[in-house]
Amino acid sequence: MTTLKIGSLNVRGFSTPQKRSQVLYQMYKQKVLIVLLQEIHFKMGHLPTLRDRYYTTWHHNPSPDSRSRGESIGLHKSLPGSVVDVRMDGEGRYIFLKIRIHATLFTIVNWYLPNQRQITVCRSFLSQLADFAEGQLLLGGDFNFTLDPSMDSSAISSMLPNRQIKSLHTQLQSLQLVDVWRLLHPQGKDYTFYSAPHQTYSRIDFFLISHHTLAWSPLVIYCSQIMHPFI
């Protein structure tokens, strides 16, 4: 049985060779096969050459007009799969990657939502994903808001309207997506982000997986969300 381990991290800039080396070595030590990175800060037309001995295949979605935003998906050289299709928004917000692993089709999503209008943008991306996704669906990244403010924030509240959050949950249910960490820790409280101005902790980074993927047996899927910033 093969373990498919996926790691996600908001790197807040990935331009320096030293930082790239540190991040990818940590991913390698954790035996991550698929790396999801947010806020790479690569500008379109100015992509650095990533020569990593372990993660040899990369898909980048840089920001078109600034050194902000941007995502990357890196694939380990030992990953037993082949890429079927890739879709990006061209604004440095999401990458949809379709890959076949051991004859099974996966749709891997990496996204970074803005810090305003998060739910509106999230719902738009999910609608686009519904037209693209096939097979086993895994979605990871930085949502920039909590899915359950009472459990995912030390403030036990959210600045976003409750009705919008409920509406998003309905859309997630229509795609049969579940929050893996919350499923495994129904009463747990753990956080991935600290806001110094507000002095609050929150869990704004998630892995969502389709229901039928949870019961899928040929691969053991392990998702790791790392506390950011890394450095």
C-alpha atoms as a PDB file:
ATOM      1  CA  MET A   1       0.000   0.000   0.000  1.00  0.00           C
ATOM      2  CA  THR A   2       1.357   3.417  -0.999  1.00  0.00           C
ATOM      3  CA  THR A   3       1.037   6.464   1.225  1.00  0.00           C
ATOM      4  CA  LEU A   4       0.102   9.643  -0.609  1.00  0.00           C
ATOM      5  CA  LYS A   5       1.240  12.437   1.675  1.00  0.00           C
ATOM      6  CA  ILE A   6       0.328  16.008   0.780  1.00  0.00           C
ATOM      7  CA  GLY A   7       1.803  19.044   2.526  1.00  0.00           C
ATOM      8  CA  SER A   8       0.508  22.612   2.374  1.00  0.00           C
ATOM      9  CA  LEU A   9       2.231  25.805   3.504  1.00  0.00           C
ATOM     10  CA  ASN A  10       1.830  29.561   3.135  1.00  0.00           C
ATOM     11  CA  VAL A  11       5.473  30.503   2.551  1.00  0.00           C
ATOM     12  CA  ARG A  12       4.997  34.302   2.355  1.00  0.00           C
ATOM     13  CA  GLY A  13       7.598  34.612  -0.339  1.00  0.00           C
ATOM     14  CA  PHE A  14       9.624  31.887  -2.022  1.00  0.00           C
ATOM     15  CA  SER A  15      12.178  33.847  -4.015  1.00  0.00           C
ATOM     16  CA  THR A  16      15.356  33.258  -1.993  1.00  0.00           C
ATOM     17  CA  PRO A  17      17.287  30.026  -2.622  1.00  0.00           C
ATOM     18  CA  GLN A  18      17.924  29.545   1.103  1.00  0.00           C
ATOM     19  CA  LYS A  19      14.252  29.648   1.988  1.00  0.00           C
ATOM     20  CA  ARG A  20      13.320  27.328  -0.882  1.00  0.00           C
ATOM     21  CA  SER A  21      15.952  24.850   0.257  1.00  0.00           C
ATOM     22  CA  GLN A  22      14.731  24.928   3.866  1.00  0.00           C
ATOM     23  CA  VAL A  23      11.056  24.527   3.005  1.00  0.00           C
ATOM     24  CA  LEU A  24      11.530  21.725   0.517  1.00  0.00           C
ATOM     25  CA  TYR A  25      13.938  19.856   2.767  1.00  0.00           C
ATOM     26  CA  GLN A  26      11.359  19.941   5.564  1.00  0.00           C
ATOM     27  CA  MET A  27       8.737  18.619   3.130  1.00  0.00           C
ATOM     28  CA  TYR A  28      11.135  15.865   2.077  1.00  0.00           C
ATOM     29  CA  LYS A  29      11.837  14.895   5.702  1.00  0.00           C
ATOM     30  CA  GLN A  30       8.094  14.550   6.270  1.00  0.00           C
ATOM     31  CA  LYS A  31       7.890  12.306   3.174  1.00  0.00           C
ATOM     32  CA  VAL A  32       5.531  14.670   1.366  1.00  0.00           C
ATOM     33  CA  LEU A  33       4.890  13.636  -2.249  1.00  0.00           C
ATOM     34  CA  ILE A  34       2.745  16.597  -3.327  1.00  0.00           C
ATOM     35  CA  VAL A  35       3.665  20.090  -2.113  1.00  0.00           C
ATOM     36  CA  LEU A  36       1.087  22.910  -2.088  1.00  0.00           C
ATOM     37  CA  LEU A  37       2.571  26.370  -1.564  1.00  0.00           C
ATOM     38  CA  GLN A  38       0.716  29.677  -1.221  1.00  0.00           C
ATOM     39  CA  GLU A  39       2.006  33.260  -1.475  1.00  0.00           C
ATOM     40  CA  ILE A  40       5.063  32.361  -3.511  1.00  0.00           C
ATOM     41  CA  HIS A  41       5.384  36.029  -4.617  1.00  0.00           C
ATOM     42  CA  PHE A  42       6.663  35.129  -8.079  1.00  0.00           C
ATOM     43  CA  LYS A  43       5.899  37.701 -10.747  1.00  0.00           C
ATOM     44  CA  MET A  44       4.707  36.462 -14.128  1.00  0.00           C
ATOM     45  CA  GLY A  45       7.645  36.370 -16.513  1.00  0.00           C
ATOM     46  CA  HIS A  46      10.153  36.303 -13.656  1.00  0.00           C
ATOM     47  CA  LEU A  47       9.922  32.744 -12.391  1.00  0.00           C
ATOM     48  CA  PRO A  48      13.045  31.392 -10.676  1.00  0.00           C
ATOM     49  CA  THR A  49      14.408  28.034 -11.760  1.00  0.00           C
ATOM     50  CA  LEU A  50      13.640  25.513  -9.035  1.00  0.00           C
ATOM     51  CA  ARG A  51      16.366  22.885  -9.170  1.00  0.00           C
ATOM     52  CA  ASP A  52      15.438  20.600  -6.319  1.00  0.00           C
ATOM     53  CA  ARG A  53      16.767  17.059  -6.139  1.00  0.00           C
ATOM     54  CA  TYR A  54      13.479  15.677  -4.765  1.00  0.00           C
ATOM     55  CA  TYR A  55      10.673  17.847  -6.174  1.00  0.00           C
ATOM     56  CA  THR A  56      11.418  17.876  -9.869  1.00  0.00           C
ATOM     57  CA  THR A  57       8.046  18.773 -11.420  1.00  0.00           C
ATOM     58  CA  TRP A  58       6.452  22.164 -10.733  1.00  0.00           C
ATOM     59  CA  HIS A  59       3.315  24.052 -11.720  1.00  0.00           C
ATOM     60  CA  HIS A  60       3.321  27.759 -10.853  1.00  0.00           C
ATOM     61  CA  ASN A  61       0.504  30.303 -10.941  1.00  0.00           C
ATOM     62  CA  PRO A  62       2.231  33.655 -10.322  1.00  0.00           C
ATOM     63  CA  SER A  63       0.586  37.024  -9.929  1.00  0.00           C
ATOM     64  CA  PRO A  64       0.412  38.923 -13.259  1.00  0.00           C
ATOM     65  CA  ASP A  65       1.098  42.420 -11.930  1.00  0.00           C
ATOM     66  CA  SER A  66       2.853  42.271  -8.565  1.00  0.00           C
ATOM     67  CA  ARG A  67       5.030  40.164  -6.284  1.00  0.00           C
ATOM     68  CA  SER A  68       2.062  39.115  -4.183  1.00  0.00           C
ATOM     69  CA  ARG A  69      -0.194  36.078  -4.137  1.00  0.00           C
ATOM     70  CA  GLY A  70       0.703  33.100  -6.293  1.00  0.00           C
ATOM     71  CA  GLU A  71       0.678  29.333  -5.758  1.00  0.00           C
ATOM     72  CA  SER A  72       2.878  26.419  -6.701  1.00  0.00           C
ATOM     73  CA  ILE A  73       2.354  22.673  -6.767  1.00  0.00           C
ATOM     74  CA  GLY A  74       5.480  20.535  -6.605  1.00  0.00           C
ATOM     75  CA  LEU A  75       5.567  16.807  -7.321  1.00  0.00           C
ATOM     76  CA  HIS A  76       8.149  14.457  -5.840  1.00  0.00           C
ATOM     77  CA  LYS A  77      10.183  12.535  -8.385  1.00  0.00           C
ATOM     78  CA  SER A  78       9.011   9.234  -6.867  1.00  0.00           C
ATOM     79  CA  LEU A  79       5.305  10.057  -7.185  1.00  0.00           C
ATOM     80  CA  PRO A  80       3.826   7.220  -9.273  1.00  0.00           C
ATOM     81  CA  GLY A  81       1.605   9.391 -11.421  1.00  0.00           C
ATOM     82  CA  SER A  82       1.218  11.482 -14.552  1.00  0.00           C
ATOM     83  CA  VAL A  83      -0.408  14.893 -14.951  1.00  0.00           C
ATOM     84  CA  VAL A  84      -3.551  14.835 -17.094  1.00  0.00           C
ATOM     85  CA  ASP A  85      -4.675  18.478 -17.018  1.00  0.00           C
ATOM     86  CA  VAL A  86      -3.952  21.785 -15.285  1.00  0.00           C
ATOM     87  CA  ARG A  87      -6.115  24.884 -14.899  1.00  0.00           C
ATOM     88  CA  MET A  88      -5.108  28.217 -13.350  1.00  0.00           C
ATOM     89  CA  ASP A  89      -6.972  31.475 -12.917  1.00  0.00           C
ATOM     90  CA  GLY A  90      -4.069  33.641 -14.126  1.00  0.00           C
ATOM     91  CA  GLU A  91      -4.424  35.884 -11.070  1.00  0.00           C
ATOM     92  CA  GLY A  92      -2.280  33.919  -8.647  1.00  0.00           C
ATOM     93  CA  ARG A  93      -5.228  32.516  -6.713  1.00  0.00           C
ATOM     94  CA  TYR A  94      -5.673  28.844  -7.625  1.00  0.00           C
ATOM     95  CA  ILE A  95      -4.264  25.813  -9.406  1.00  0.00           C
ATOM     96  CA  PHE A  96      -6.472  22.843 -10.323  1.00  0.00           C
ATOM     97  CA  LEU A  97      -4.330  19.806 -11.131  1.00  0.00           C
ATOM     98  CA  LYS A  98      -5.673  16.568 -12.541  1.00  0.00           C
ATOM     99  CA  ILE A  99      -3.280  13.650 -12.051  1.00  0.00           C
ATOM    100  CA  ARG A 100      -3.505   9.894 -12.502  1.00  0.00           C
ATOM    101  CA  ILE A 101      -1.900   7.848  -9.725  1.00  0.00           C
ATOM    102  CA  HIS A 102      -1.946   4.040  -9.877  1.00  0.00           C
ATOM    103  CA  ALA A 103      -4.679   4.162 -12.542  1.00  0.00           C
ATOM    104  CA  THR A 104      -6.887   6.350 -10.326  1.00  0.00           C
ATOM    105  CA  LEU A 105      -7.698   9.927 -11.244  1.00  0.00           C
ATOM    106  CA  PHE A 106      -7.198  12.696  -8.670  1.00  0.00           C
ATOM    107  CA  THR A 107      -8.061  16.366  -8.760  1.00  0.00           C
ATOM    108  CA  ILE A 108      -5.675  18.307  -6.517  1.00  0.00           C
ATOM    109  CA  VAL A 109      -6.539  21.931  -5.717  1.00  0.00           C
ATOM    110  CA  ASN A 110      -4.222  24.543  -4.231  1.00  0.00           C
ATOM    111  CA  TRP A 111      -5.604  28.011  -3.558  1.00  0.00           C
ATOM    112  CA  TYR A 112      -5.007  31.245  -1.723  1.00  0.00           C
ATOM    113  CA  LEU A 113      -8.122  33.312  -1.068  1.00  0.00           C
ATOM    114  CA  PRO A 114      -8.002  37.093  -0.601  1.00  0.00           C
ATOM    115  CA  ASN A 115      -8.447  38.719   2.810  1.00  0.00           C
ATOM    116  CA  GLN A 116     -11.594  40.463   1.587  1.00  0.00           C
ATOM    117  CA  ARG A 117     -14.687  38.989  -0.096  1.00  0.00           C
ATOM    118  CA  GLN A 118     -13.297  35.565   0.823  1.00  0.00           C
ATOM    119  CA  ILE A 119     -16.589  33.697   0.700  1.00  0.00           C
ATOM    120  CA  THR A 120     -17.708  35.302  -2.575  1.00  0.00           C
ATOM    121  CA  VAL A 121     -14.420  34.348  -4.217  1.00  0.00           C
ATOM    122  CA  CYS A 122     -14.485  30.889  -2.616  1.00  0.00           C
ATOM    123  CA  ARG A 123     -17.962  30.174  -3.990  1.00  0.00           C
ATOM    124  CA  SER A 124     -16.894  31.324  -7.457  1.00  0.00           C
ATOM    125  CA  PHE A 125     -13.835  29.058  -7.394  1.00  0.00           C
ATOM    126  CA  LEU A 126     -15.923  26.099  -6.209  1.00  0.00           C
ATOM    127  CA  SER A 127     -18.331  26.616  -9.115  1.00  0.00           C
ATOM    128  CA  GLN A 128     -15.412  26.539 -11.539  1.00  0.00           C
ATOM    129  CA  LEU A 129     -14.006  23.488  -9.798  1.00  0.00           C
ATOM    130  CA  ALA A 130     -17.288  21.617 -10.196  1.00  0.00           C
ATOM    131  CA  ASP A 131     -16.806  21.799 -13.998  1.00  0.00           C
ATOM    132  CA  PHE A 132     -13.196  20.609 -13.819  1.00  0.00           C
ATOM    133  CA  ALA A 133     -13.018  18.023 -11.055  1.00  0.00           C
ATOM    134  CA  GLU A 134     -12.904  14.296 -11.757  1.00  0.00           C
ATOM    135  CA  GLY A 135     -12.084  11.321  -9.592  1.00  0.00           C
ATOM    136  CA  GLN A 136     -10.833  11.754  -6.049  1.00  0.00           C
ATOM    137  CA  LEU A 137     -10.971  15.422  -4.998  1.00  0.00           C
ATOM    138  CA  LEU A 138      -8.502  16.973  -2.529  1.00  0.00           C
ATOM    139  CA  LEU A 139      -8.509  20.712  -1.871  1.00  0.00           C
ATOM    140  CA  GLY A 140      -5.900  22.457   0.253  1.00  0.00           C
ATOM    141  CA  GLY A 141      -4.669  25.956   0.912  1.00  0.00           C
ATOM    142  CA  ASP A 142      -5.103  29.241   2.731  1.00  0.00           C
ATOM    143  CA  PHE A 143      -8.755  30.258   3.021  1.00  0.00           C
ATOM    144  CA  ASN A 144      -8.109  33.481   4.953  1.00  0.00           C
ATOM    145  CA  PHE A 145     -11.185  32.810   7.091  1.00  0.00           C
ATOM    146  CA  THR A 146     -12.457  30.144   9.461  1.00  0.00           C
ATOM    147  CA  LEU A 147     -15.054  27.594   8.438  1.00  0.00           C
ATOM    148  CA  ASP A 148     -16.317  27.293  12.015  1.00  0.00           C
ATOM    149  CA  PRO A 149     -15.546  30.484  13.995  1.00  0.00           C
ATOM    150  CA  SER A 150     -16.670  29.006  17.305  1.00  0.00           C
ATOM    151  CA  MET A 151     -14.120  26.183  17.013  1.00  0.00           C
ATOM    152  CA  ASP A 152     -11.447  27.555  14.673  1.00  0.00           C
ATOM    153  CA  SER A 153     -10.737  30.939  16.264  1.00  0.00           C
ATOM    154  CA  SER A 154      -9.544  31.919  19.726  1.00  0.00           C
ATOM    155  CA  ALA A 155     -11.885  34.923  19.399  1.00  0.00           C
ATOM    156  CA  ILE A 156     -14.813  32.459  18.935  1.00  0.00           C
ATOM    157  CA  SER A 157     -16.261  34.793  16.313  1.00  0.00           C
ATOM    158  CA  SER A 158     -15.869  35.968  12.740  1.00  0.00           C
ATOM    159  CA  MET A 159     -16.182  39.311  10.988  1.00  0.00           C
ATOM    160  CA  LEU A 160     -17.950  37.505   8.149  1.00  0.00           C
ATOM    161  CA  PRO A 161     -21.758  37.229   8.240  1.00  0.00           C
ATOM    162  CA  ASN A 162     -22.942  33.887   9.613  1.00  0.00           C
ATOM    163  CA  ARG A 163     -25.439  33.472   6.761  1.00  0.00           C
ATOM    164  CA  GLN A 164     -22.590  33.613   4.224  1.00  0.00           C
ATOM    165  CA  ILE A 165     -20.632  30.948   6.083  1.00  0.00           C
ATOM    166  CA  LYS A 166     -23.736  28.727   6.215  1.00  0.00           C
ATOM    167  CA  SER A 167     -24.308  29.244   2.495  1.00  0.00           C
ATOM    168  CA  LEU A 168     -20.734  28.181   1.781  1.00  0.00           C
ATOM    169  CA  HIS A 169     -21.173  25.037   3.880  1.00  0.00           C
ATOM    170  CA  THR A 170     -24.153  24.146   1.698  1.00  0.00           C
ATOM    171  CA  GLN A 171     -22.011  24.474  -1.421  1.00  0.00           C
ATOM    172  CA  LEU A 172     -19.247  22.364   0.128  1.00  0.00           C
ATOM    173  CA  GLN A 173     -21.814  19.687   0.933  1.00  0.00           C
ATOM    174  CA  SER A 174     -23.011  19.706  -2.674  1.00  0.00           C
ATOM    175  CA  LEU A 175     -19.439  18.844  -3.711  1.00  0.00           C
ATOM    176  CA  GLN A 176     -19.317  16.278  -0.871  1.00  0.00           C
ATOM    177  CA  LEU A 177     -16.275  18.021   0.626  1.00  0.00           C
ATOM    178  CA  VAL A 178     -15.396  17.592   4.289  1.00  0.00           C
ATOM    179  CA  ASP A 179     -12.805  19.238   6.538  1.00  0.00           C
ATOM    180  CA  VAL A 180     -10.465  16.325   7.256  1.00  0.00           C
ATOM    181  CA  TRP A 181      -8.873  17.715  10.410  1.00  0.00           C
ATOM    182  CA  ARG A 182     -12.228  18.588  11.952  1.00  0.00           C
ATOM    183  CA  LEU A 183     -13.546  15.144  11.086  1.00  0.00           C
ATOM    184  CA  LEU A 184     -10.667  13.551  12.992  1.00  0.00           C
ATOM    185  CA  HIS A 185     -10.772  16.090  15.843  1.00  0.00           C
ATOM    186  CA  PRO A 186     -14.453  17.038  16.290  1.00  0.00           C
ATOM    187  CA  GLN A 187     -13.826  18.895  19.565  1.00  0.00           C
ATOM    188  CA  GLY A 188     -10.192  19.850  18.981  1.00  0.00           C
ATOM    189  CA  LYS A 189      -8.771  23.351  18.830  1.00  0.00           C
ATOM    190  CA  ASP A 190      -5.567  23.920  16.925  1.00  0.00           C
ATOM    191  CA  TYR A 191      -4.483  26.892  14.856  1.00  0.00           C
ATOM    192  CA  THR A 192      -2.387  27.678  11.792  1.00  0.00           C
ATOM    193  CA  PHE A 193      -2.216  31.480  11.972  1.00  0.00           C
ATOM    194  CA  TYR A 194      -1.581  34.195  14.551  1.00  0.00           C
ATOM    195  CA  SER A 195      -2.763  37.775  14.015  1.00  0.00           C
ATOM    196  CA  ALA A 196      -0.540  40.132  15.980  1.00  0.00           C
ATOM    197  CA  PRO A 197      -2.797  43.208  15.521  1.00  0.00           C
ATOM    198  CA  HIS A 198      -5.835  41.313  16.856  1.00  0.00           C
ATOM    199  CA  GLN A 199      -3.856  39.009  19.183  1.00  0.00           C
ATOM    200  CA  THR A 200      -5.913  36.031  18.024  1.00  0.00           C
ATOM    201  CA  TYR A 201      -5.145  32.543  16.782  1.00  0.00           C
ATOM    202  CA  SER A 202      -7.177  30.933  14.028  1.00  0.00           C
ATOM    203  CA  ARG A 203      -7.306  27.912  11.748  1.00  0.00           C
ATOM    204  CA  ILE A 204      -7.600  29.390   8.271  1.00  0.00           C
ATOM    205  CA  ASP A 205      -5.670  26.690   6.375  1.00  0.00           C
ATOM    206  CA  PHE A 206      -7.598  23.592   5.420  1.00  0.00           C
ATOM    207  CA  PHE A 207      -7.641  20.293   3.597  1.00  0.00           C
ATOM    208  CA  LEU A 208     -11.040  19.356   2.221  1.00  0.00           C
ATOM    209  CA  ILE A 209     -11.562  15.891   0.769  1.00  0.00           C
ATOM    210  CA  SER A 210     -14.556  14.345  -0.943  1.00  0.00           C
ATOM    211  CA  HIS A 211     -16.534  11.795   1.072  1.00  0.00           C
ATOM    212  CA  HIS A 212     -15.771   8.836  -1.164  1.00  0.00           C
ATOM    213  CA  THR A 213     -12.029   9.614  -1.050  1.00  0.00           C
ATOM    214  CA  LEU A 214     -12.042   9.030   2.712  1.00  0.00           C
ATOM    215  CA  ALA A 215     -13.055   5.409   2.208  1.00  0.00           C
ATOM    216  CA  TRP A 216     -10.731   4.819  -0.749  1.00  0.00           C
ATOM    217  CA  SER A 217      -8.281   2.033   0.041  1.00  0.00           C
ATOM    218  CA  PRO A 218      -5.474   1.669  -2.566  1.00  0.00           C
ATOM    219  CA  LEU A 219      -3.680   4.724  -1.133  1.00  0.00           C
ATOM    220  CA  VAL A 220      -3.400   6.007   2.386  1.00  0.00           C
ATOM    221  CA  ILE A 221      -3.852   9.769   2.048  1.00  0.00           C
ATOM    222  CA  TYR A 222      -2.132  11.882   4.681  1.00  0.00           C
ATOM    223  CA  CYS A 223      -2.615  15.645   4.645  1.00  0.00           C
ATOM    224  CA  SER A 224      -0.321  17.936   6.575  1.00  0.00           C
ATOM    225  CA  GLN A 225      -1.046  21.617   7.166  1.00  0.00           C
ATOM    226  CA  ILE A 226       2.017  23.368   8.556  1.00  0.00           C
ATOM    227  CA  MET A 227       1.843  26.400  10.840  1.00  0.00           C
ATOM    228  CA  HIS A 228       2.852  29.510   8.918  1.00  0.00           C
ATOM    229  CA  PRO A 229       4.882  31.621   8.510  1.00  0.00           C
ATOM    230  CA  PHE A 230       7.607  29.004   8.046  1.00  0.00           C
ATOM    231  CA  ILE A 231      10.439  31.426   8.784  1.00  0.00           C
END
